[in-house]
């Protein structure tokens, strides 16, 4: 019994050493990948062989060598039930946000605000697009709230530029 207590004490002590800034970095990376992958399904590259994640894919996105895919416009027109905003505007805004916000999160640049924008997008997706995926969107929201609460962590441009986590 004493050995079990000792094991529990040691593991609990080890777990308590995990710092929130380490979690923020992991949350940044996970959320950046989720939104980036979503963006890559919504664009058509003007070059062949861009289906897999690669540096070439990133270069084509940065150099604007892509267009919003026709299928994306169709999704926003016929499947996604977004109120107020025209479907073509929504499609373009979603693609722009899903490209720019993950880059900001990855770099840790205006990190809290990028996370806030992603949380807003997550809420729109939850309410208007996929209301049955609340468990997935709930996990996204928790990760984004950690980022909003604690900032980008030690490895962020916010820290380099301002000396603190924005």
N, C-alpha and C. Protein backbone atom coordinates (compact mmCIF):
# COMPACT_ATOMS: atom_id res chain seq x y z
N UNK A 1 0.81 -1.19 0.00
CA UNK A 1 0.00 0.00 0.00
C UNK A 1 0.86 1.26 0.00
N UNK A 2 1.96 1.23 0.76
CA UNK A 2 2.84 2.40 0.80
C UNK A 2 3.48 2.65 -0.56
N UNK A 3 3.80 1.57 -1.28
CA UNK A 3 4.41 1.74 -2.60
C UNK A 3 3.41 2.39 -3.56
N UNK A 4 2.13 2.04 -3.45
CA UNK A 4 1.11 2.65 -4.29
C UNK A 4 0.97 4.14 -3.97
N UNK A 5 0.99 4.49 -2.70
CA UNK A 5 0.91 5.88 -2.28
C UNK A 5 2.12 6.65 -2.79
N UNK A 6 3.29 6.02 -2.74
CA UNK A 6 4.51 6.66 -3.22
C UNK A 6 4.43 6.92 -4.73
N UNK A 7 3.94 5.94 -5.47
CA UNK A 7 3.78 6.08 -6.92
C UNK A 7 2.81 7.21 -7.24
N UNK A 8 1.68 7.24 -6.55
CA UNK A 8 0.69 8.29 -6.77
C UNK A 8 1.27 9.67 -6.44
N UNK A 9 2.01 9.77 -5.38
CA UNK A 9 2.62 11.04 -4.98
C UNK A 9 3.64 11.50 -6.03
N UNK A 10 4.46 10.57 -6.51
CA UNK A 10 5.47 10.91 -7.52
C UNK A 10 4.82 11.35 -8.83
N UNK A 11 3.82 10.61 -9.30
CA UNK A 11 3.19 10.95 -10.58
C UNK A 11 2.41 12.25 -10.47
N UNK A 12 1.74 12.45 -9.35
CA UNK A 12 1.01 13.71 -9.15
C UNK A 12 1.98 14.88 -9.13
N UNK A 13 3.10 14.72 -8.49
CA UNK A 13 4.12 15.77 -8.45
C UNK A 13 4.65 16.07 -9.84
N UNK A 14 4.88 15.03 -10.63
CA UNK A 14 5.37 15.22 -11.99
C UNK A 14 4.33 15.94 -12.85
N UNK A 15 3.07 15.55 -12.71
CA UNK A 15 2.01 16.20 -13.49
C UNK A 15 1.83 17.66 -13.10
N UNK A 16 2.03 17.96 -11.84
CA UNK A 16 1.83 19.35 -11.39
C UNK A 16 2.92 20.29 -11.90
N UNK A 17 3.99 19.73 -12.44
CA UNK A 17 5.07 20.56 -12.99
C UNK A 17 4.79 21.03 -14.42
N UNK A 18 3.72 20.50 -15.03
CA UNK A 18 3.35 20.96 -16.37
C UNK A 18 2.91 22.42 -16.25
N UNK A 19 3.52 23.27 -17.04
CA UNK A 19 3.23 24.70 -16.96
C UNK A 19 2.20 25.10 -18.01
N UNK A 20 1.43 26.10 -17.67
CA UNK A 20 0.36 26.54 -18.56
C UNK A 20 0.91 27.05 -19.89
N UNK A 21 2.10 27.64 -19.89
CA UNK A 21 2.65 28.14 -21.16
C UNK A 21 2.99 26.98 -22.09
N UNK A 22 3.34 25.83 -21.53
CA UNK A 22 3.57 24.64 -22.36
C UNK A 22 2.26 24.18 -22.98
N UNK A 23 1.19 24.24 -22.21
CA UNK A 23 -0.11 23.87 -22.74
C UNK A 23 -0.57 24.86 -23.81
N UNK A 24 -0.26 26.13 -23.60
CA UNK A 24 -0.65 27.15 -24.58
C UNK A 24 0.03 26.91 -25.92
N UNK A 25 1.29 26.53 -25.90
CA UNK A 25 2.01 26.25 -27.14
C UNK A 25 1.38 25.06 -27.85
N UNK A 26 1.10 24.01 -27.11
CA UNK A 26 0.45 22.84 -27.72
C UNK A 26 -0.93 23.19 -28.27
N UNK A 27 -1.69 23.96 -27.51
CA UNK A 27 -3.02 24.37 -27.97
C UNK A 27 -2.91 25.21 -29.24
N UNK A 28 -1.92 26.11 -29.29
CA UNK A 28 -1.71 26.92 -30.49
C UNK A 28 -1.46 26.05 -31.70
N UNK A 29 -0.57 25.08 -31.56
CA UNK A 29 -0.22 24.23 -32.69
C UNK A 29 -1.39 23.38 -33.14
N UNK A 30 -2.10 22.79 -32.20
CA UNK A 30 -3.24 21.93 -32.55
C UNK A 30 -4.31 22.74 -33.27
N UNK A 31 -4.67 23.88 -32.73
CA UNK A 31 -5.72 24.68 -33.35
C UNK A 31 -5.27 25.24 -34.70
N UNK A 32 -4.01 25.61 -34.83
CA UNK A 32 -3.50 26.09 -36.11
C UNK A 32 -3.61 25.00 -37.17
N UNK A 33 -3.26 23.78 -36.83
CA UNK A 33 -3.34 22.68 -37.80
C UNK A 33 -4.79 22.39 -38.19
N UNK A 34 -5.69 22.40 -37.22
CA UNK A 34 -7.11 22.13 -37.52
C UNK A 34 -7.65 23.15 -38.51
N UNK A 35 -7.42 24.43 -38.25
CA UNK A 35 -7.97 25.46 -39.13
C UNK A 35 -7.24 25.51 -40.47
N UNK A 36 -5.92 25.27 -40.47
CA UNK A 36 -5.16 25.25 -41.72
C UNK A 36 -5.65 24.13 -42.63
N UNK A 37 -5.83 22.94 -42.06
CA UNK A 37 -6.32 21.81 -42.87
C UNK A 37 -7.71 22.11 -43.43
N UNK A 38 -8.53 22.77 -42.66
CA UNK A 38 -9.85 23.15 -43.16
C UNK A 38 -9.73 24.09 -44.34
N UNK A 39 -8.83 25.06 -44.25
CA UNK A 39 -8.62 25.99 -45.36
C UNK A 39 -8.16 25.26 -46.61
N UNK A 40 -7.29 24.28 -46.44
CA UNK A 40 -6.75 23.56 -47.60
C UNK A 40 -7.82 22.75 -48.33
N UNK A 41 -8.92 22.44 -47.66
CA UNK A 41 -10.02 21.75 -48.34
C UNK A 41 -10.90 22.72 -49.11
N UNK A 42 -10.73 24.00 -48.86
CA UNK A 42 -11.59 25.01 -49.47
C UNK A 42 -10.94 25.75 -50.64
N UNK A 43 -9.70 25.47 -50.92
CA UNK A 43 -9.02 26.19 -52.00
C UNK A 43 -8.59 25.23 -53.10
N UNK A 44 -8.42 25.79 -54.29
CA UNK A 44 -7.91 25.04 -55.43
C UNK A 44 -6.56 25.66 -55.79
N UNK A 45 -5.54 24.82 -55.83
CA UNK A 45 -4.21 25.32 -56.16
C UNK A 45 -4.06 25.46 -57.66
N UNK A 46 -3.32 26.47 -58.07
CA UNK A 46 -3.06 26.69 -59.49
C UNK A 46 -1.86 25.88 -59.96
N UNK A 47 -1.47 24.89 -59.16
CA UNK A 47 -0.38 23.97 -59.50
C UNK A 47 -0.83 22.57 -59.12
N UNK A 48 -0.26 21.58 -59.75
CA UNK A 48 -0.63 20.20 -59.49
C UNK A 48 0.13 19.65 -58.29
N UNK A 49 -0.43 18.62 -57.68
CA UNK A 49 0.26 17.91 -56.61
C UNK A 49 0.29 18.62 -55.29
N UNK A 50 -0.72 19.40 -54.96
CA UNK A 50 -0.73 20.15 -53.72
C UNK A 50 -1.67 19.56 -52.68
N UNK A 51 -2.08 18.32 -52.86
CA UNK A 51 -3.07 17.74 -51.96
C UNK A 51 -2.52 17.49 -50.56
N UNK A 52 -1.26 17.12 -50.45
CA UNK A 52 -0.67 16.81 -49.15
C UNK A 52 0.03 18.02 -48.56
N UNK A 53 0.08 18.05 -47.25
CA UNK A 53 0.77 19.14 -46.56
C UNK A 53 2.25 19.10 -46.90
N UNK A 54 2.76 20.23 -47.37
CA UNK A 54 4.17 20.32 -47.71
C UNK A 54 4.59 21.79 -47.69
N UNK A 55 5.89 21.99 -47.76
CA UNK A 55 6.40 23.36 -47.85
C UNK A 55 5.95 24.02 -49.15
N UNK A 56 5.83 23.21 -50.21
CA UNK A 56 5.35 23.75 -51.48
C UNK A 56 3.92 24.26 -51.34
N UNK A 57 3.10 23.54 -50.58
CA UNK A 57 1.73 23.98 -50.35
C UNK A 57 1.72 25.32 -49.61
N UNK A 58 2.53 25.43 -48.59
CA UNK A 58 2.62 26.68 -47.84
C UNK A 58 3.07 27.81 -48.76
N UNK A 59 4.07 27.54 -49.60
CA UNK A 59 4.55 28.56 -50.52
C UNK A 59 3.45 29.01 -51.47
N UNK A 60 2.67 28.07 -52.01
CA UNK A 60 1.60 28.43 -52.94
C UNK A 60 0.51 29.26 -52.24
N UNK A 61 0.27 28.98 -50.98
CA UNK A 61 -0.70 29.78 -50.23
C UNK A 61 -0.15 31.18 -50.01
N UNK A 62 1.09 31.29 -49.54
CA UNK A 62 1.69 32.60 -49.26
C UNK A 62 1.82 33.43 -50.54
N UNK A 63 2.16 32.79 -51.64
CA UNK A 63 2.33 33.51 -52.90
C UNK A 63 1.01 33.73 -53.65
N UNK A 64 -0.09 33.38 -52.99
CA UNK A 64 -1.43 33.57 -53.55
C UNK A 64 -1.63 32.83 -54.86
N UNK A 65 -1.02 31.67 -54.99
CA UNK A 65 -1.14 30.83 -56.17
C UNK A 65 -2.28 29.83 -55.99
N UNK A 66 -3.46 30.34 -55.66
CA UNK A 66 -4.62 29.51 -55.41
C UNK A 66 -5.88 30.36 -55.60
N UNK A 67 -7.02 29.68 -55.66
CA UNK A 67 -8.32 30.33 -55.71
C UNK A 67 -9.26 29.59 -54.78
N UNK A 68 -10.34 30.24 -54.41
CA UNK A 68 -11.36 29.55 -53.63
C UNK A 68 -12.03 28.54 -54.55
N UNK A 69 -12.13 27.31 -54.08
CA UNK A 69 -12.68 26.23 -54.90
C UNK A 69 -14.17 26.42 -55.15
N UNK A 70 -14.64 26.00 -56.32
CA UNK A 70 -16.06 26.06 -56.64
C UNK A 70 -16.89 25.28 -55.62
N UNK A 71 -16.35 24.16 -55.16
CA UNK A 71 -17.07 23.35 -54.18
C UNK A 71 -17.28 24.11 -52.87
N UNK A 72 -16.37 25.01 -52.54
CA UNK A 72 -16.51 25.82 -51.33
C UNK A 72 -17.70 26.76 -51.47
N UNK A 73 -17.82 27.40 -52.62
CA UNK A 73 -18.97 28.27 -52.85
C UNK A 73 -20.27 27.47 -52.77
N UNK A 74 -20.26 26.27 -53.32
CA UNK A 74 -21.46 25.43 -53.27
C UNK A 74 -21.82 25.06 -51.83
N UNK A 75 -20.82 24.72 -51.02
CA UNK A 75 -21.08 24.40 -49.61
C UNK A 75 -21.71 25.59 -48.89
N UNK A 76 -21.16 26.76 -49.09
CA UNK A 76 -21.67 27.93 -48.40
C UNK A 76 -23.04 28.35 -48.92
N UNK A 77 -23.33 28.02 -50.18
CA UNK A 77 -24.64 28.38 -50.73
C UNK A 77 -25.73 27.39 -50.34
N UNK A 78 -25.41 26.08 -50.37
CA UNK A 78 -26.46 25.07 -50.23
C UNK A 78 -26.44 24.29 -48.92
N UNK A 79 -25.28 24.12 -48.28
CA UNK A 79 -25.22 23.29 -47.08
C UNK A 79 -25.14 24.10 -45.80
N UNK A 80 -24.29 25.09 -45.77
CA UNK A 80 -24.12 25.89 -44.55
C UNK A 80 -25.26 26.90 -44.47
N UNK A 81 -25.86 26.99 -43.34
CA UNK A 81 -27.03 27.85 -43.17
C UNK A 81 -26.66 29.12 -42.42
N UNK A 82 -25.85 29.95 -43.06
CA UNK A 82 -25.40 31.19 -42.42
C UNK A 82 -26.39 32.31 -42.69
N UNK A 83 -26.83 32.99 -41.65
CA UNK A 83 -27.78 34.08 -41.86
C UNK A 83 -27.06 35.37 -42.25
N UNK A 84 -27.76 36.29 -42.81
CA UNK A 84 -27.36 37.67 -43.07
C UNK A 84 -26.35 37.83 -44.20
N UNK A 85 -25.21 37.18 -44.11
CA UNK A 85 -24.10 37.42 -45.04
C UNK A 85 -24.27 36.58 -46.31
N UNK A 86 -24.04 37.16 -47.50
CA UNK A 86 -24.13 36.38 -48.74
C UNK A 86 -23.11 35.24 -48.75
N UNK A 87 -23.49 34.13 -49.38
CA UNK A 87 -22.66 32.92 -49.34
C UNK A 87 -21.26 33.13 -49.92
N UNK A 88 -21.13 33.93 -50.99
CA UNK A 88 -19.81 34.13 -51.59
C UNK A 88 -18.90 34.95 -50.67
N UNK A 89 -19.46 35.92 -49.98
CA UNK A 89 -18.68 36.67 -48.99
C UNK A 89 -18.24 35.75 -47.86
N UNK A 90 -19.18 34.94 -47.38
CA UNK A 90 -18.88 34.03 -46.27
C UNK A 90 -17.77 33.06 -46.66
N UNK A 91 -17.83 32.53 -47.87
CA UNK A 91 -16.81 31.59 -48.33
C UNK A 91 -15.43 32.25 -48.36
N UNK A 92 -15.36 33.44 -48.93
CA UNK A 92 -14.07 34.15 -49.01
C UNK A 92 -13.55 34.54 -47.64
N UNK A 93 -14.43 35.02 -46.77
CA UNK A 93 -14.00 35.40 -45.42
C UNK A 93 -13.53 34.18 -44.63
N UNK A 94 -14.24 33.07 -44.78
CA UNK A 94 -13.85 31.86 -44.06
C UNK A 94 -12.47 31.37 -44.51
N UNK A 95 -12.25 31.36 -45.81
CA UNK A 95 -10.95 30.92 -46.34
C UNK A 95 -9.84 31.86 -45.85
N UNK A 96 -10.07 33.15 -45.94
CA UNK A 96 -9.06 34.11 -45.48
C UNK A 96 -8.74 33.90 -44.00
N UNK A 97 -9.78 33.75 -43.19
CA UNK A 97 -9.57 33.55 -41.75
C UNK A 97 -8.87 32.23 -41.48
N UNK A 98 -9.24 31.18 -42.21
CA UNK A 98 -8.64 29.87 -41.98
C UNK A 98 -7.20 29.78 -42.48
N UNK A 99 -6.76 30.75 -43.23
CA UNK A 99 -5.36 30.82 -43.65
C UNK A 99 -4.58 31.74 -42.70
N UNK A 100 -5.11 32.93 -42.45
CA UNK A 100 -4.37 33.93 -41.67
C UNK A 100 -4.31 33.61 -40.18
N UNK A 101 -5.42 33.18 -39.61
CA UNK A 101 -5.44 32.93 -38.16
C UNK A 101 -4.51 31.79 -37.73
N UNK A 102 -4.45 30.67 -38.45
CA UNK A 102 -3.48 29.63 -38.06
C UNK A 102 -2.04 30.10 -38.15
N UNK A 103 -1.73 30.93 -39.14
CA UNK A 103 -0.37 31.46 -39.24
C UNK A 103 -0.07 32.32 -38.02
N UNK A 104 -1.03 33.18 -37.65
CA UNK A 104 -0.84 34.03 -36.46
C UNK A 104 -0.67 33.17 -35.21
N UNK A 105 -1.48 32.13 -35.06
CA UNK A 105 -1.35 31.26 -33.89
C UNK A 105 -0.02 30.53 -33.89
N UNK A 106 0.37 29.99 -35.02
CA UNK A 106 1.64 29.26 -35.11
C UNK A 106 2.81 30.14 -34.71
N UNK A 107 2.80 31.37 -35.19
CA UNK A 107 3.89 32.30 -34.88
C UNK A 107 3.74 32.93 -33.49
N UNK A 108 2.55 32.86 -32.93
CA UNK A 108 2.30 33.51 -31.65
C UNK A 108 2.23 35.02 -31.81
N UNK A 109 1.57 35.47 -32.87
CA UNK A 109 1.46 36.89 -33.20
C UNK A 109 0.03 37.34 -32.99
N UNK A 110 -0.18 38.32 -32.09
CA UNK A 110 -1.53 38.70 -31.67
C UNK A 110 -2.32 37.45 -31.29
N UNK A 111 -1.68 36.62 -30.51
CA UNK A 111 -2.16 35.28 -30.22
C UNK A 111 -3.55 35.26 -29.61
N UNK A 112 -3.76 36.06 -28.60
CA UNK A 112 -5.06 36.04 -27.92
C UNK A 112 -6.17 36.47 -28.87
N UNK A 113 -5.90 37.42 -29.74
CA UNK A 113 -6.91 37.91 -30.67
C UNK A 113 -7.18 36.91 -31.79
N UNK A 114 -6.14 36.23 -32.24
CA UNK A 114 -6.34 35.16 -33.23
C UNK A 114 -7.20 34.05 -32.62
N UNK A 115 -6.93 33.71 -31.36
CA UNK A 115 -7.73 32.69 -30.69
C UNK A 115 -9.17 33.16 -30.51
N UNK A 116 -9.36 34.43 -30.19
CA UNK A 116 -10.71 34.97 -30.05
C UNK A 116 -11.48 34.87 -31.37
N UNK A 117 -10.82 35.22 -32.47
CA UNK A 117 -11.47 35.12 -33.79
C UNK A 117 -11.80 33.67 -34.11
N UNK A 118 -10.89 32.76 -33.79
CA UNK A 118 -11.16 31.33 -34.03
C UNK A 118 -12.31 30.84 -33.16
N UNK A 119 -12.39 31.32 -31.94
CA UNK A 119 -13.50 30.95 -31.07
C UNK A 119 -14.82 31.44 -31.67
N UNK A 120 -14.81 32.65 -32.21
CA UNK A 120 -16.00 33.16 -32.89
C UNK A 120 -16.40 32.28 -34.07
N UNK A 121 -15.42 31.90 -34.85
CA UNK A 121 -15.69 31.00 -35.98
C UNK A 121 -16.22 29.66 -35.49
N UNK A 122 -15.65 29.15 -34.42
CA UNK A 122 -16.08 27.88 -33.87
C UNK A 122 -17.54 27.97 -33.43
N UNK A 123 -17.92 29.07 -32.81
CA UNK A 123 -19.31 29.25 -32.38
C UNK A 123 -20.25 29.31 -33.59
N UNK A 124 -19.85 30.00 -34.65
CA UNK A 124 -20.67 30.05 -35.86
C UNK A 124 -20.81 28.66 -36.46
N UNK A 125 -19.71 27.92 -36.54
CA UNK A 125 -19.75 26.56 -37.07
C UNK A 125 -20.68 25.69 -36.23
N UNK A 126 -20.57 25.82 -34.90
CA UNK A 126 -21.39 25.01 -34.01
C UNK A 126 -22.88 25.34 -34.17
N UNK A 127 -23.21 26.61 -34.19
CA UNK A 127 -24.61 27.01 -34.21
C UNK A 127 -25.25 26.82 -35.57
N UNK A 128 -24.56 27.22 -36.64
CA UNK A 128 -25.20 27.27 -37.95
C UNK A 128 -24.82 26.15 -38.91
N UNK A 129 -23.68 25.52 -38.70
CA UNK A 129 -23.20 24.56 -39.70
C UNK A 129 -23.32 23.12 -39.22
N UNK A 130 -22.66 22.79 -38.12
CA UNK A 130 -22.65 21.41 -37.62
C UNK A 130 -23.05 21.38 -36.14
N UNK A 131 -24.33 21.59 -35.83
CA UNK A 131 -24.74 21.65 -34.42
C UNK A 131 -24.59 20.33 -33.66
N UNK A 132 -24.47 19.23 -34.37
CA UNK A 132 -24.32 17.93 -33.69
C UNK A 132 -22.89 17.64 -33.27
N UNK A 133 -21.94 18.46 -33.65
CA UNK A 133 -20.53 18.22 -33.32
C UNK A 133 -20.08 19.03 -32.11
N UNK A 134 -20.97 19.20 -31.14
CA UNK A 134 -20.66 20.04 -29.98
C UNK A 134 -19.51 19.50 -29.15
N UNK A 135 -19.28 18.17 -29.17
CA UNK A 135 -18.15 17.65 -28.38
C UNK A 135 -16.82 18.08 -28.99
N UNK A 136 -16.72 18.02 -30.29
CA UNK A 136 -15.50 18.45 -30.98
C UNK A 136 -15.30 19.96 -30.80
N UNK A 137 -16.35 20.71 -31.06
CA UNK A 137 -16.25 22.16 -30.95
C UNK A 137 -16.02 22.59 -29.50
N UNK A 138 -16.52 21.82 -28.56
CA UNK A 138 -16.25 22.11 -27.15
C UNK A 138 -14.77 21.98 -26.83
N UNK A 139 -14.12 20.95 -27.37
CA UNK A 139 -12.68 20.79 -27.17
C UNK A 139 -11.90 21.93 -27.82
N UNK A 140 -12.32 22.33 -29.01
CA UNK A 140 -11.69 23.47 -29.67
C UNK A 140 -11.83 24.71 -28.79
N UNK A 141 -13.04 24.92 -28.28
CA UNK A 141 -13.30 26.11 -27.46
C UNK A 141 -12.41 26.12 -26.21
N UNK A 142 -12.25 24.95 -25.58
CA UNK A 142 -11.40 24.88 -24.39
C UNK A 142 -9.96 25.25 -24.74
N UNK A 143 -9.44 24.69 -25.83
CA UNK A 143 -8.07 25.01 -26.25
C UNK A 143 -7.93 26.50 -26.55
N UNK A 144 -8.91 27.06 -27.24
CA UNK A 144 -8.86 28.48 -27.59
C UNK A 144 -8.99 29.37 -26.35
N UNK A 145 -9.79 28.95 -25.40
CA UNK A 145 -9.93 29.71 -24.15
C UNK A 145 -8.63 29.68 -23.34
N UNK A 146 -7.92 28.56 -23.37
CA UNK A 146 -6.61 28.50 -22.70
C UNK A 146 -5.67 29.50 -23.34
N UNK A 147 -5.66 29.54 -24.66
CA UNK A 147 -4.79 30.49 -25.37
C UNK A 147 -5.20 31.92 -25.04
N UNK A 148 -6.50 32.21 -25.07
CA UNK A 148 -6.98 33.55 -24.78
C UNK A 148 -6.63 33.96 -23.34
N UNK A 149 -6.70 33.01 -22.45
CA UNK A 149 -6.45 33.29 -21.04
C UNK A 149 -4.97 33.52 -20.74
N UNK A 150 -4.10 32.71 -21.34
CA UNK A 150 -2.68 32.72 -20.97
C UNK A 150 -1.76 33.28 -22.04
N UNK A 151 -2.27 33.56 -23.23
CA UNK A 151 -1.42 34.07 -24.29
C UNK A 151 -0.67 32.96 -25.00
N UNK A 152 0.28 33.35 -25.81
CA UNK A 152 0.98 32.40 -26.66
C UNK A 152 2.09 31.61 -26.00
N UNK A 153 2.47 32.00 -24.82
CA UNK A 153 3.56 31.30 -24.14
C UNK A 153 4.91 31.91 -24.45
N UNK A 154 5.94 31.23 -23.96
CA UNK A 154 7.31 31.77 -24.10
C UNK A 154 7.78 31.83 -25.55
N UNK A 155 7.38 30.85 -26.34
CA UNK A 155 7.81 30.79 -27.73
C UNK A 155 6.77 31.45 -28.62
N UNK A 156 6.71 32.77 -28.56
CA UNK A 156 5.75 33.50 -29.38
C UNK A 156 6.35 34.84 -29.81
N UNK A 157 5.90 35.32 -30.96
CA UNK A 157 6.34 36.65 -31.40
C UNK A 157 5.84 37.72 -30.45
N UNK A 158 4.68 37.51 -29.86
CA UNK A 158 4.17 38.47 -28.88
C UNK A 158 5.20 38.69 -27.78
N UNK A 159 5.78 37.61 -27.30
CA UNK A 159 6.77 37.69 -26.21
C UNK A 159 8.03 38.42 -26.70
N UNK A 160 8.45 38.12 -27.92
CA UNK A 160 9.66 38.75 -28.48
C UNK A 160 9.44 40.25 -28.71
N UNK A 161 8.31 40.59 -29.27
CA UNK A 161 8.04 41.99 -29.63
C UNK A 161 7.71 42.85 -28.41
N UNK A 162 6.83 42.34 -27.57
CA UNK A 162 6.32 43.16 -26.45
C UNK A 162 6.88 42.77 -25.10
N UNK A 163 7.55 41.65 -25.01
CA UNK A 163 8.06 41.20 -23.74
C UNK A 163 7.00 40.54 -22.87
N UNK A 164 5.80 40.35 -23.44
CA UNK A 164 4.73 39.67 -22.72
C UNK A 164 3.83 38.98 -23.73
N UNK A 165 2.92 38.21 -23.22
CA UNK A 165 1.99 37.49 -24.08
C UNK A 165 0.76 38.35 -24.34
N UNK A 166 0.57 38.77 -25.58
CA UNK A 166 -0.61 39.55 -25.93
C UNK A 166 -1.80 38.65 -26.14
